[in-house]
């Protein structure tokens, strides 16, 4: 059974790119352009890893990640915070994410980060 990655980003191109890269590497993916009802979205897919953008409509990536990290069932799912923001490391730490990936990133960086956190 392949590992599952949930990608949250409001940029359609980023969602498509990440999906192509990760599915080609053997991962199952799901995408969302909003982090609204984050627990319901995650519960419906139960990923092994979450890629979370900072700039999401309504509640945003930081609050969505914090909400996940407070949830007893989903708090252990690793979150990779990714953003073009210069303070991405601080944002990831503030959100409670396990790691971060600055945008723009290359294919190898994305794959390496996923492998580092959940394997193949």
Protein backbone atom coordinates (compact mmCIF):
# COMPACT_ATOMS: atom_id res chain seq x y z
CA UNK A 1 0.00 0.00 0.00
CA UNK A 2 1.44 3.35 -1.00
CA UNK A 3 2.05 6.18 1.44
CA UNK A 4 -0.44 9.05 1.32
CA UNK A 5 0.34 12.76 1.11
CA UNK A 6 -2.26 15.50 1.55
CA UNK A 7 -1.29 18.80 -0.11
CA UNK A 8 -2.88 22.06 1.04
CA UNK A 9 -2.18 25.07 -1.19
CA UNK A 10 -4.35 27.76 -2.74
CA UNK A 11 -2.20 27.80 -5.90
CA UNK A 12 -3.58 25.37 -8.47
CA UNK A 13 -0.22 25.11 -10.25
CA UNK A 14 1.56 24.10 -7.03
CA UNK A 15 -1.12 21.49 -6.32
CA UNK A 16 -0.74 20.03 -9.82
CA UNK A 17 3.07 20.09 -9.69
CA UNK A 18 3.25 18.41 -6.28
CA UNK A 19 0.69 15.82 -7.35
CA UNK A 20 2.67 14.97 -10.51
CA UNK A 21 5.98 14.73 -8.64
CA UNK A 22 4.67 12.66 -5.74
CA UNK A 23 2.46 10.32 -7.75
CA UNK A 24 5.38 9.65 -10.14
CA UNK A 25 7.40 8.72 -7.05
CA UNK A 26 4.71 6.23 -5.98
CA UNK A 27 2.74 8.21 -3.41
CA UNK A 28 -1.03 8.56 -3.29
CA UNK A 29 -2.06 12.21 -3.09
CA UNK A 30 -5.05 14.37 -2.32
CA UNK A 31 -5.21 18.14 -2.64
CA UNK A 32 -7.18 21.00 -1.19
CA UNK A 33 -7.10 24.73 -1.86
CA UNK A 34 -8.44 25.53 1.60
CA UNK A 35 -7.70 24.46 5.14
CA UNK A 36 -11.29 24.99 6.29
CA UNK A 37 -12.60 22.04 8.32
CA UNK A 38 -9.04 20.69 8.44
CA UNK A 39 -9.90 17.82 10.77
CA UNK A 40 -12.76 16.63 8.53
CA UNK A 41 -10.55 16.85 5.45
CA UNK A 42 -7.72 14.90 7.07
CA UNK A 43 -10.12 12.33 8.57
CA UNK A 44 -11.55 11.59 5.11
CA UNK A 45 -8.09 10.72 3.66
CA UNK A 46 -5.86 9.90 6.67
CA UNK A 47 -2.51 10.84 5.12
CA UNK A 48 0.96 9.76 6.22
CA UNK A 49 2.24 13.31 5.59
CA UNK A 50 0.76 16.77 5.06
CA UNK A 51 2.25 19.56 2.96
CA UNK A 52 0.79 22.82 4.30
CA UNK A 53 1.06 26.19 2.58
CA UNK A 54 1.20 29.32 4.70
CA UNK A 55 -1.18 31.48 2.65
CA UNK A 56 -4.50 29.66 2.66
CA UNK A 57 -7.92 31.33 2.58
CA UNK A 58 -9.80 31.83 5.83
CA UNK A 59 -7.97 30.14 8.73
CA UNK A 60 -4.52 29.90 7.09
CA UNK A 61 -1.75 27.34 7.34
CA UNK A 62 -0.52 28.20 10.82
CA UNK A 63 -3.90 27.86 12.50
CA UNK A 64 -4.75 24.73 10.48
CA UNK A 65 -1.48 23.09 11.54
CA UNK A 66 -2.03 24.07 15.16
CA UNK A 67 -5.53 22.60 15.05
CA UNK A 68 -4.11 19.31 13.71
CA UNK A 69 -1.39 19.24 16.35
CA UNK A 70 -4.01 19.63 19.11
CA UNK A 71 -6.07 16.71 17.79
CA UNK A 72 -5.41 13.42 19.65
CA UNK A 73 -5.77 11.24 16.54
CA UNK A 74 -4.03 13.38 13.90
CA UNK A 75 -1.34 15.18 15.91
CA UNK A 76 1.28 12.58 14.98
CA UNK A 77 0.94 13.12 11.21
CA UNK A 78 4.09 14.99 10.12
CA UNK A 79 3.47 18.40 8.59
CA UNK A 80 5.87 20.04 6.15
CA UNK A 81 5.20 23.74 6.07
CA UNK A 82 5.94 25.22 2.66
CA UNK A 83 5.90 28.82 1.59
CA UNK A 84 7.75 31.53 -0.31
CA UNK A 85 7.79 33.59 2.91
CA UNK A 86 11.31 34.56 4.02
CA UNK A 87 10.51 33.58 7.62
CA UNK A 88 9.38 30.05 6.74
CA UNK A 89 11.49 28.37 9.43
CA UNK A 90 9.97 30.59 12.15
CA UNK A 91 6.47 30.13 10.70
CA UNK A 92 6.88 26.35 10.66
CA UNK A 93 8.07 26.35 14.28
CA UNK A 94 5.22 28.64 15.33
CA UNK A 95 2.69 26.35 13.65
CA UNK A 96 4.16 23.22 15.20
CA UNK A 97 5.19 21.65 11.87
CA UNK A 98 7.89 18.97 11.85
CA UNK A 99 9.71 20.48 8.90
CA UNK A 100 9.59 23.14 6.22
CA UNK A 101 10.34 23.56 2.53
CA UNK A 102 10.97 26.99 1.03
CA UNK A 103 9.30 27.85 -2.28
CA UNK A 104 10.38 27.71 -4.97
CA UNK A 105 11.67 24.18 -4.48
CA UNK A 106 12.99 21.66 -6.94
CA UNK A 107 11.69 18.14 -7.48
CA UNK A 108 14.55 16.51 -5.58
CA UNK A 109 14.05 18.77 -2.55
CA UNK A 110 10.38 17.84 -2.37
CA UNK A 111 10.98 14.11 -2.81
CA UNK A 112 13.86 14.11 -0.30
CA UNK A 113 11.75 15.88 2.31
CA UNK A 114 8.90 13.38 1.90
CA UNK A 115 11.25 10.38 2.02
CA UNK A 116 12.98 11.83 5.09
CA UNK A 117 9.70 12.01 7.00
CA UNK A 118 7.71 8.97 5.82
CA UNK A 119 9.89 6.85 3.54
CA UNK A 120 8.79 5.42 0.23
